[in-house]
Amino acid sequence: MRDKLNKFISNTNGQFIEVSDKTNIYQCVDLAYLWIFCLDIPKATIQRLYAYEVYTKADTLTREYFEIVPNTPEGVPQSGDLVIWSNKLGVAGHIAIATGEG
């Protein structure tokens, strides 16, 4: 996973990524979509209206591909994990890819 993530970062670093909705371009979820495509995971697993809903509205399909881990001292994101912030950061929240270094 680490090698795949390093290659992904090297190929996308400094670029604007648009995958899904050209009416709302360059959103954090676009990078997450591109990452899961690289892992052969269907877009529907994380496709929600807002980024924070990937966590709060995780359905059966999401749970088939992802382990939903709450933010606790033991729930430390690993390299390649998707990390989701609540909508306290703004209406949509935020989604990012963990590098394993934070």
Protein backbone atom coordinates (compact mmCIF):
# COMPACT_ATOMS: atom_id res chain seq x y z
CA MET A 1 0.00 0.00 0.00
CA ARG A 2 2.80 2.40 0.90
CA ASP A 3 4.43 2.14 -2.55
CA LYS A 4 1.10 2.67 -4.29
CA LEU A 5 0.40 5.73 -2.12
CA ASN A 6 3.87 7.18 -2.75
CA LYS A 7 3.37 6.80 -6.51
CA PHE A 8 -0.10 8.37 -6.23
CA ILE A 9 1.29 11.35 -4.31
CA SER A 10 4.14 11.79 -6.75
CA ASN A 11 1.74 11.71 -9.72
CA THR A 12 -0.81 14.15 -8.23
CA ASN A 13 1.31 16.49 -6.08
CA GLY A 14 0.74 20.12 -7.04
CA GLN A 15 -2.12 19.31 -9.42
CA PHE A 16 -5.75 20.33 -9.27
CA ILE A 17 -7.81 17.14 -9.29
CA GLU A 18 -11.31 17.02 -10.76
CA VAL A 19 -13.08 13.68 -10.95
CA SER A 20 -16.74 14.06 -10.27
CA ASP A 21 -18.64 17.31 -10.55
CA LYS A 22 -17.46 20.02 -12.92
CA THR A 23 -20.00 22.46 -11.42
CA ASN A 24 -18.15 22.29 -8.09
CA ILE A 25 -14.53 21.82 -9.12
CA TYR A 26 -11.42 20.83 -7.22
CA GLN A 27 -13.02 19.56 -4.02
CA CYS A 28 -11.28 17.39 -1.45
CA VAL A 29 -13.55 14.49 -2.35
CA ASP A 30 -12.15 14.49 -5.90
CA LEU A 31 -8.75 13.46 -4.58
CA ALA A 32 -10.40 10.76 -2.44
CA TYR A 33 -12.30 9.47 -5.50
CA LEU A 34 -9.10 9.29 -7.54
CA TRP A 35 -7.35 7.43 -4.72
CA ILE A 36 -10.07 4.81 -4.37
CA PHE A 37 -10.16 4.37 -8.16
CA CYS A 38 -6.44 3.51 -7.93
CA LEU A 39 -7.39 0.87 -5.36
CA ASP A 40 -10.20 -0.53 -7.57
CA ILE A 41 -12.86 0.56 -5.07
CA PRO A 42 -16.17 1.77 -6.51
CA LYS A 43 -17.01 5.47 -6.25
CA ALA A 44 -20.39 4.61 -4.69
CA THR A 45 -18.62 3.48 -1.52
CA ILE A 46 -17.91 7.09 -0.54
CA GLN A 47 -20.26 9.09 -2.78
CA ARG A 48 -22.23 11.42 -0.50
CA LEU A 49 -23.44 15.00 -0.69
CA TYR A 50 -20.90 16.18 1.91
CA ALA A 51 -17.48 14.82 2.85
CA TYR A 52 -18.36 14.27 6.53
CA GLU A 53 -21.24 12.00 5.47
CA VAL A 54 -18.78 9.38 4.23
CA TYR A 55 -18.32 8.65 7.94
CA THR A 56 -21.73 9.56 9.40
CA LYS A 57 -23.74 7.84 6.67
CA ALA A 58 -21.50 4.83 6.03
CA ASP A 59 -23.73 2.17 4.52
CA THR A 60 -23.33 -1.53 3.82
CA LEU A 61 -21.36 -0.90 0.62
CA THR A 62 -19.01 1.52 2.40
CA ARG A 63 -18.45 -1.01 5.18
CA GLU A 64 -17.76 -3.74 2.62
CA TYR A 65 -14.62 -1.86 1.52
CA PHE A 66 -13.73 0.24 4.57
CA GLU A 67 -13.44 -0.23 8.30
CA ILE A 68 -15.15 2.73 9.96
CA VAL A 69 -12.84 3.77 12.79
CA PRO A 70 -13.75 6.54 15.25
CA ASN A 71 -11.17 9.13 16.25
CA THR A 72 -9.68 7.74 19.45
CA PRO A 73 -6.15 7.38 20.81
CA GLU A 74 -6.18 3.81 19.40
CA GLY A 75 -7.80 4.78 16.07
CA VAL A 76 -4.68 6.10 14.38
CA PRO A 77 -4.98 6.40 10.57
CA GLN A 78 -2.58 4.26 8.58
CA SER A 79 -0.92 5.13 5.28
CA GLY A 80 -3.58 5.23 2.56
CA ASP A 81 -6.57 5.50 4.92
CA LEU A 82 -9.25 8.06 4.24
CA VAL A 83 -9.61 10.52 7.10
CA ILE A 84 -12.82 12.49 7.53
CA TRP A 85 -13.42 15.65 9.52
CA SER A 86 -16.84 16.73 10.74
CA ASN A 87 -18.83 19.63 9.39
CA LYS A 88 -17.44 21.80 12.21
CA LEU A 89 -14.79 22.75 9.63
CA GLY A 90 -17.46 24.12 7.34
CA VAL A 91 -20.69 22.91 5.82
CA ALA A 92 -19.16 19.92 4.03
CA GLY A 93 -16.45 18.80 6.45
CA HIS A 94 -13.28 17.47 4.85
CA ILE A 95 -11.82 14.22 3.54
CA ALA A 96 -8.14 13.45 3.01
CA ILE A 97 -5.72 10.59 2.50
CA ALA A 98 -3.49 9.70 5.45
CA THR A 99 0.21 9.48 4.69
CA GLY A 100 0.96 7.59 7.87
CA GLU A 101 3.14 10.44 9.10
CA GLY A 102 0.65 12.44 11.17
